[in-house]
Amino acid sequence: MHCSATRETQEYTPEQLERDHKARGFVRAGYNYYIRRSGEIVPMRPIEQVPAHVRGHNRSSIGICYEGGLDAAGGFRDTRTEGQKESILILLKLLIIRFPGSRICGHRDLGARKACPCFNAEEEYAGL
């Protein structure tokens, strides 16, 4: 699980996400799914295609990113809307059916020195 590390007051479209990833040298956005503030689930990269979101874990993972992660002042914070929380839960439940026994965790739980996704994904989704 990732956050886009954008302010809760700032819209960050899938097109902007794609552009920013390309500017960093990726062929396309590194995530498989992007969850907008509205709760819309935007497919970014087919599951069959290896994502580019956590060094050393890409071949065995699915990348999900939610729009936000920073408060209005730019501080790290769980800014997920109710719509995002609902959509993430639905998406994770569907993915667990397809990939039983999968570990759900945040970027920060995979050795990254980051706050991303700005909430404890392992704890929140432990019951799935």
N, C-alpha and C. Protein backbone atom coordinates (compact mmCIF):
# COMPACT_ATOMS: atom_id res chain seq x y z
N MET A 1 0.85 -1.17 0.00
CA MET A 1 0.00 0.00 0.00
C MET A 1 0.89 1.24 0.00
N HIS A 2 0.49 2.20 -0.81
CA HIS A 2 1.22 3.46 -0.94
C HIS A 2 0.25 4.64 -0.83
N CYS A 3 0.82 5.81 -0.58
CA CYS A 3 0.09 7.07 -0.74
C CYS A 3 0.83 7.85 -1.83
N SER A 4 0.15 8.77 -2.46
CA SER A 4 0.80 9.56 -3.52
C SER A 4 1.69 10.66 -2.95
N ALA A 5 1.66 10.84 -1.63
CA ALA A 5 2.45 11.88 -0.95
C ALA A 5 2.11 13.26 -1.50
N THR A 6 0.81 13.48 -1.67
CA THR A 6 0.30 14.78 -2.10
C THR A 6 -0.63 15.32 -1.02
N ARG A 7 -0.76 16.63 -0.98
CA ARG A 7 -1.57 17.26 0.06
C ARG A 7 -3.05 16.96 -0.11
N GLU A 8 -3.73 16.84 1.01
CA GLU A 8 -5.16 16.53 0.98
C GLU A 8 -5.97 17.61 0.29
N THR A 9 -5.40 18.79 0.13
CA THR A 9 -6.07 19.91 -0.53
C THR A 9 -5.75 19.97 -2.02
N GLN A 10 -4.92 19.06 -2.50
CA GLN A 10 -4.43 19.08 -3.88
C GLN A 10 -4.97 17.89 -4.65
N GLU A 11 -5.58 18.15 -5.79
CA GLU A 11 -5.99 17.05 -6.66
C GLU A 11 -4.75 16.51 -7.36
N TYR A 12 -4.67 15.21 -7.46
CA TYR A 12 -3.54 14.56 -8.14
C TYR A 12 -4.13 13.47 -9.02
N THR A 13 -4.27 13.77 -10.28
CA THR A 13 -4.97 12.89 -11.21
C THR A 13 -4.11 11.69 -11.61
N PRO A 14 -4.75 10.65 -12.13
CA PRO A 14 -3.99 9.51 -12.65
C PRO A 14 -3.01 9.94 -13.75
N GLU A 15 -3.42 10.92 -14.54
CA GLU A 15 -2.54 11.42 -15.60
C GLU A 15 -1.29 12.09 -15.01
N GLN A 16 -1.47 12.84 -13.93
CA GLN A 16 -0.31 13.46 -13.26
C GLN A 16 0.60 12.39 -12.66
N LEU A 17 0.00 11.39 -12.06
CA LEU A 17 0.77 10.29 -11.49
C LEU A 17 1.60 9.61 -12.58
N GLU A 18 0.97 9.31 -13.69
CA GLU A 18 1.66 8.67 -14.82
C GLU A 18 2.80 9.55 -15.33
N ARG A 19 2.51 10.83 -15.50
CA ARG A 19 3.53 11.77 -15.98
C ARG A 19 4.73 11.82 -15.03
N ASP A 20 4.45 11.90 -13.74
CA ASP A 20 5.52 11.99 -12.75
C ASP A 20 6.37 10.72 -12.73
N HIS A 21 5.75 9.57 -12.87
CA HIS A 21 6.52 8.32 -12.90
C HIS A 21 7.37 8.24 -14.16
N LYS A 22 6.82 8.66 -15.29
CA LYS A 22 7.61 8.67 -16.53
C LYS A 22 8.80 9.62 -16.41
N ALA A 23 8.60 10.75 -15.74
CA ALA A 23 9.69 11.72 -15.55
C ALA A 23 10.81 11.12 -14.70
N ARG A 24 10.48 10.12 -13.88
CA ARG A 24 11.49 9.45 -13.05
C ARG A 24 12.10 8.25 -13.76
N GLY A 25 11.75 8.06 -15.04
CA GLY A 25 12.37 7.01 -15.84
C GLY A 25 11.58 5.73 -15.99
N PHE A 26 10.37 5.68 -15.43
CA PHE A 26 9.55 4.49 -15.59
C PHE A 26 8.80 4.56 -16.92
N VAL A 27 8.45 3.40 -17.45
CA VAL A 27 7.71 3.33 -18.71
C VAL A 27 6.29 3.83 -18.52
N ARG A 28 5.74 3.59 -17.34
CA ARG A 28 4.39 4.03 -16.98
C ARG A 28 4.30 4.09 -15.47
N ALA A 29 3.13 4.42 -14.95
CA ALA A 29 2.96 4.47 -13.49
C ALA A 29 3.33 3.12 -12.90
N GLY A 30 3.98 3.14 -11.76
CA GLY A 30 4.47 1.91 -11.15
C GLY A 30 3.43 1.08 -10.44
N TYR A 31 2.28 1.67 -10.13
CA TYR A 31 1.25 0.98 -9.36
C TYR A 31 0.27 0.25 -10.26
N ASN A 32 -0.34 -0.78 -9.72
CA ASN A 32 -1.39 -1.48 -10.46
C ASN A 32 -2.73 -0.76 -10.33
N TYR A 33 -2.96 -0.14 -9.16
CA TYR A 33 -4.22 0.55 -8.91
C TYR A 33 -3.97 1.89 -8.22
N TYR A 34 -4.81 2.85 -8.57
CA TYR A 34 -4.76 4.17 -7.94
C TYR A 34 -6.15 4.48 -7.43
N ILE A 35 -6.26 4.85 -6.16
CA ILE A 35 -7.55 5.12 -5.54
C ILE A 35 -7.71 6.62 -5.35
N ARG A 36 -8.64 7.19 -6.11
CA ARG A 36 -8.90 8.64 -6.04
C ARG A 36 -9.62 9.00 -4.75
N ARG A 37 -9.62 10.29 -4.40
CA ARG A 37 -10.30 10.76 -3.19
C ARG A 37 -11.78 10.38 -3.20
N SER A 38 -12.35 10.35 -4.39
CA SER A 38 -13.77 10.00 -4.53
C SER A 38 -14.04 8.53 -4.23
N GLY A 39 -12.98 7.72 -4.20
CA GLY A 39 -13.12 6.28 -4.04
C GLY A 39 -13.02 5.54 -5.35
N GLU A 40 -12.94 6.27 -6.45
CA GLU A 40 -12.80 5.63 -7.76
C GLU A 40 -11.51 4.82 -7.80
N ILE A 41 -11.63 3.57 -8.25
CA ILE A 41 -10.47 2.70 -8.41
C ILE A 41 -10.02 2.80 -9.86
N VAL A 42 -8.82 3.29 -10.08
CA VAL A 42 -8.29 3.48 -11.43
C VAL A 42 -7.21 2.44 -11.70
N PRO A 43 -7.45 1.48 -12.62
CA PRO A 43 -6.40 0.55 -12.98
C PRO A 43 -5.27 1.31 -13.70
N MET A 44 -4.05 1.10 -13.28
CA MET A 44 -2.91 1.81 -13.87
C MET A 44 -1.98 0.87 -14.64
N ARG A 45 -1.87 -0.35 -14.19
CA ARG A 45 -0.97 -1.32 -14.80
C ARG A 45 -1.61 -2.70 -14.58
N PRO A 46 -1.74 -3.52 -15.63
CA PRO A 46 -2.37 -4.83 -15.46
C PRO A 46 -1.65 -5.67 -14.39
N ILE A 47 -2.39 -6.46 -13.65
CA ILE A 47 -1.80 -7.30 -12.61
C ILE A 47 -0.77 -8.25 -13.21
N GLU A 48 -0.99 -8.66 -14.44
CA GLU A 48 -0.06 -9.58 -15.09
C GLU A 48 1.29 -8.92 -15.40
N GLN A 49 1.34 -7.62 -15.33
CA GLN A 49 2.57 -6.88 -15.60
C GLN A 49 3.24 -6.53 -14.27
N VAL A 50 4.53 -6.81 -14.18
CA VAL A 50 5.27 -6.54 -12.94
C VAL A 50 5.23 -5.04 -12.66
N PRO A 51 4.78 -4.67 -11.46
CA PRO A 51 4.74 -3.25 -11.10
C PRO A 51 6.14 -2.73 -10.78
N ALA A 52 6.24 -1.45 -10.53
CA ALA A 52 7.51 -0.81 -10.16
C ALA A 52 7.21 0.12 -9.00
N HIS A 53 7.14 -0.45 -7.79
CA HIS A 53 6.73 0.37 -6.65
C HIS A 53 7.52 0.13 -5.38
N VAL A 54 8.15 -1.03 -5.23
CA VAL A 54 8.99 -1.30 -4.05
C VAL A 54 10.19 -2.14 -4.50
N ARG A 55 11.34 -1.52 -4.50
CA ARG A 55 12.56 -2.22 -4.93
C ARG A 55 12.71 -3.54 -4.17
N GLY A 56 12.97 -4.60 -4.93
CA GLY A 56 13.17 -5.91 -4.35
C GLY A 56 11.90 -6.71 -4.10
N HIS A 57 10.75 -6.11 -4.31
CA HIS A 57 9.47 -6.78 -4.04
C HIS A 57 8.51 -6.73 -5.23
N ASN A 58 8.92 -6.14 -6.32
CA ASN A 58 7.99 -5.92 -7.43
C ASN A 58 7.46 -7.21 -8.05
N ARG A 59 8.30 -8.21 -8.20
CA ARG A 59 7.87 -9.44 -8.87
C ARG A 59 6.85 -10.25 -8.07
N SER A 60 6.76 -9.97 -6.79
CA SER A 60 5.86 -10.75 -5.94
C SER A 60 4.81 -9.88 -5.24
N SER A 61 4.44 -8.78 -5.89
CA SER A 61 3.50 -7.88 -5.22
C SER A 61 2.58 -7.17 -6.21
N ILE A 62 1.58 -6.54 -5.64
CA ILE A 62 0.64 -5.71 -6.38
C ILE A 62 0.68 -4.33 -5.73
N GLY A 63 0.86 -3.30 -6.53
CA GLY A 63 0.97 -1.94 -6.00
C GLY A 63 -0.35 -1.20 -6.01
N ILE A 64 -0.76 -0.75 -4.84
CA ILE A 64 -1.98 0.05 -4.69
C ILE A 64 -1.59 1.37 -4.06
N CYS A 65 -2.02 2.46 -4.65
CA CYS A 65 -1.69 3.79 -4.15
C CYS A 65 -2.97 4.60 -3.98
N TYR A 66 -3.09 5.29 -2.85
CA TYR A 66 -4.23 6.18 -2.69
C TYR A 66 -3.78 7.63 -2.83
N GLU A 67 -4.65 8.44 -3.36
CA GLU A 67 -4.40 9.87 -3.56
C GLU A 67 -4.37 10.56 -2.20
N GLY A 68 -3.25 11.16 -1.86
CA GLY A 68 -3.13 11.86 -0.58
C GLY A 68 -1.93 11.40 0.21
N GLY A 69 -2.05 11.51 1.53
CA GLY A 69 -0.98 11.11 2.43
C GLY A 69 -0.29 12.27 3.14
N LEU A 70 -0.61 13.49 2.71
CA LEU A 70 -0.06 14.68 3.37
C LEU A 70 -1.21 15.59 3.77
N ASP A 71 -1.09 16.21 4.94
CA ASP A 71 -2.11 17.17 5.35
C ASP A 71 -1.93 18.47 4.56
N ALA A 72 -2.76 19.45 4.82
CA ALA A 72 -2.72 20.71 4.06
C ALA A 72 -1.39 21.44 4.19
N ALA A 73 -0.69 21.22 5.31
CA ALA A 73 0.60 21.88 5.54
C ALA A 73 1.77 21.06 5.00
N GLY A 74 1.50 19.86 4.50
CA GLY A 74 2.56 19.02 3.94
C GLY A 74 3.12 17.99 4.91
N GLY A 75 2.47 17.82 6.06
CA GLY A 75 2.91 16.81 7.03
C GLY A 75 2.30 15.45 6.72
N PHE A 76 3.01 14.39 7.08
CA PHE A 76 2.51 13.04 6.85
C PHE A 76 1.25 12.80 7.67
N ARG A 77 0.22 12.25 7.02
CA ARG A 77 -1.05 11.97 7.71
C ARG A 77 -1.90 11.03 6.88
N ASP A 78 -2.64 10.21 7.54
CA ASP A 78 -3.61 9.35 6.86
C ASP A 78 -4.76 10.24 6.40
N THR A 79 -4.80 10.55 5.13
CA THR A 79 -5.83 11.45 4.59
C THR A 79 -6.90 10.70 3.82
N ARG A 80 -6.95 9.37 3.95
CA ARG A 80 -7.94 8.60 3.20
C ARG A 80 -9.35 9.06 3.53
N THR A 81 -10.13 9.25 2.49
CA THR A 81 -11.55 9.58 2.65
C THR A 81 -12.31 8.29 2.93
N GLU A 82 -13.56 8.43 3.36
CA GLU A 82 -14.39 7.24 3.57
C GLU A 82 -14.53 6.46 2.26
N GLY A 83 -14.67 7.18 1.15
CA GLY A 83 -14.76 6.52 -0.16
C GLY A 83 -13.51 5.73 -0.48
N GLN A 84 -12.35 6.29 -0.18
CA GLN A 84 -11.10 5.57 -0.41
C GLN A 84 -11.00 4.34 0.48
N LYS A 85 -11.36 4.49 1.74
CA LYS A 85 -11.29 3.35 2.67
C LYS A 85 -12.19 2.21 2.20
N GLU A 86 -13.40 2.55 1.76
CA GLU A 86 -14.33 1.53 1.27
C GLU A 86 -13.79 0.85 0.02
N SER A 87 -13.29 1.64 -0.92
CA SER A 87 -12.78 1.08 -2.17
C SER A 87 -11.55 0.23 -1.96
N ILE A 88 -10.65 0.68 -1.09
CA ILE A 88 -9.45 -0.11 -0.80
C ILE A 88 -9.85 -1.45 -0.20
N LEU A 89 -10.78 -1.44 0.73
CA LEU A 89 -11.23 -2.68 1.36
C LEU A 89 -11.84 -3.64 0.34
N ILE A 90 -12.69 -3.12 -0.52
CA ILE A 90 -13.30 -3.96 -1.57
C ILE A 90 -12.23 -4.53 -2.48
N LEU A 91 -11.31 -3.69 -2.93
CA LEU A 91 -10.24 -4.14 -3.82
C LEU A 91 -9.38 -5.21 -3.14
N LEU A 92 -9.00 -4.98 -1.90
CA LEU A 92 -8.18 -5.96 -1.18
C LEU A 92 -8.91 -7.29 -1.02
N LYS A 93 -10.19 -7.25 -0.71
CA LYS A 93 -10.96 -8.49 -0.57
C LYS A 93 -10.99 -9.27 -1.88
N LEU A 94 -11.16 -8.56 -2.99
CA LEU A 94 -11.15 -9.22 -4.30
C LEU A 94 -9.78 -9.81 -4.62
N LEU A 95 -8.73 -9.08 -4.29
CA LEU A 95 -7.38 -9.56 -4.56
C LEU A 95 -7.02 -10.76 -3.68
N ILE A 96 -7.49 -10.76 -2.44
CA ILE A 96 -7.23 -11.89 -1.53
C ILE A 96 -7.91 -13.16 -2.04
N ILE A 97 -9.08 -13.01 -2.66
CA ILE A 97 -9.75 -14.17 -3.25
C ILE A 97 -8.88 -14.75 -4.36
N ARG A 98 -8.32 -13.89 -5.16
CA ARG A 98 -7.47 -14.33 -6.29
C ARG A 98 -6.09 -14.79 -5.83
N PHE A 99 -5.58 -14.18 -4.77
CA PHE A 99 -4.24 -14.48 -4.28
C PHE A 99 -4.31 -14.78 -2.77
N PRO A 100 -4.90 -15.93 -2.39
CA PRO A 100 -5.07 -16.23 -0.96
C PRO A 100 -3.72 -16.30 -0.25
N GLY A 101 -3.74 -15.89 1.02
CA GLY A 101 -2.52 -15.95 1.83
C GLY A 101 -1.57 -14.79 1.61
N SER A 102 -1.98 -13.82 0.81
CA SER A 102 -1.12 -12.67 0.54
C SER A 102 -0.95 -11.79 1.77
N ARG A 103 0.21 -11.19 1.87
CA ARG A 103 0.49 -10.23 2.95
C ARG A 103 0.08 -8.84 2.47
N ILE A 104 -0.68 -8.15 3.29
CA ILE A 104 -1.05 -6.77 2.98
C ILE A 104 -0.22 -5.88 3.89
N CYS A 105 0.53 -4.97 3.28
CA CYS A 105 1.40 -4.12 4.08
C CYS A 105 1.64 -2.79 3.38
N GLY A 106 2.26 -1.89 4.10
CA GLY A 106 2.59 -0.59 3.56
C GLY A 106 4.00 -0.56 3.00
N HIS A 107 4.28 0.43 2.20
CA HIS A 107 5.61 0.63 1.64
C HIS A 107 6.65 0.65 2.76
N ARG A 108 6.31 1.32 3.85
CA ARG A 108 7.24 1.45 4.99
C ARG A 108 7.55 0.12 5.65
N ASP A 109 6.71 -0.89 5.44
CA ASP A 109 6.91 -2.21 6.05
C ASP A 109 7.86 -3.09 5.25
N LEU A 110 8.33 -2.60 4.12
CA LEU A 110 9.19 -3.39 3.25
C LEU A 110 10.60 -2.80 3.16
N GLY A 111 11.05 -2.23 4.25
CA GLY A 111 12.42 -1.74 4.32
C GLY A 111 12.65 -0.33 3.83
N ALA A 112 11.61 0.32 3.36
CA ALA A 112 11.76 1.69 2.87
C ALA A 112 11.79 2.65 4.05
N ARG A 113 12.64 3.63 3.98
CA ARG A 113 12.71 4.65 5.04
C ARG A 113 11.72 5.76 4.69
N LYS A 114 10.45 5.40 4.77
CA LYS A 114 9.37 6.31 4.39
C LYS A 114 8.22 6.17 5.36
N ALA A 115 7.37 7.17 5.41
CA ALA A 115 6.14 7.08 6.20
C ALA A 115 5.03 6.40 5.41
N CYS A 116 5.20 6.29 4.13
CA CYS A 116 4.22 5.77 3.18
C CYS A 116 3.70 4.39 3.63
N PRO A 117 2.42 4.23 3.74
CA PRO A 117 1.29 5.01 3.27
C PRO A 117 0.65 5.93 4.32
N CYS A 118 1.37 6.21 5.38
CA CYS A 118 0.90 7.13 6.44
C CYS A 118 -0.20 6.53 7.31
N PHE A 119 -0.30 5.21 7.32
CA PHE A 119 -1.15 4.49 8.27
C PHE A 119 -0.60 3.06 8.35
N ASN A 120 -1.00 2.32 9.36
CA ASN A 120 -0.50 0.96 9.55
C ASN A 120 -1.37 -0.02 8.77
N ALA A 121 -0.99 -0.27 7.52
CA ALA A 121 -1.77 -1.15 6.64
C ALA A 121 -1.78 -2.59 7.15
N GLU A 122 -0.66 -3.06 7.65
CA GLU A 122 -0.61 -4.44 8.16
C GLU A 122 -1.63 -4.65 9.27
N GLU A 123 -1.67 -3.73 10.19
CA GLU A 123 -2.59 -3.83 11.32
C GLU A 123 -4.04 -3.67 10.87
N GLU A 124 -4.29 -2.68 10.03
CA GLU A 124 -5.67 -2.40 9.61
C GLU A 124 -6.29 -3.54 8.83
N TYR A 125 -5.50 -4.22 8.01
CA TYR A 125 -6.04 -5.26 7.14
C TYR A 125 -5.65 -6.67 7.58
N ALA A 126 -5.21 -6.82 8.82
CA ALA A 126 -4.76 -8.12 9.33
C ALA A 126 -5.85 -9.19 9.26
N GLY A 127 -7.10 -8.81 9.37
CA GLY A 127 -8.19 -9.78 9.39
C GLY A 127 -8.67 -10.26 8.03
N LEU A 128 -8.08 -9.77 6.97
CA LEU A 128 -8.55 -10.18 5.63
C LEU A 128 -7.98 -11.53 5.22
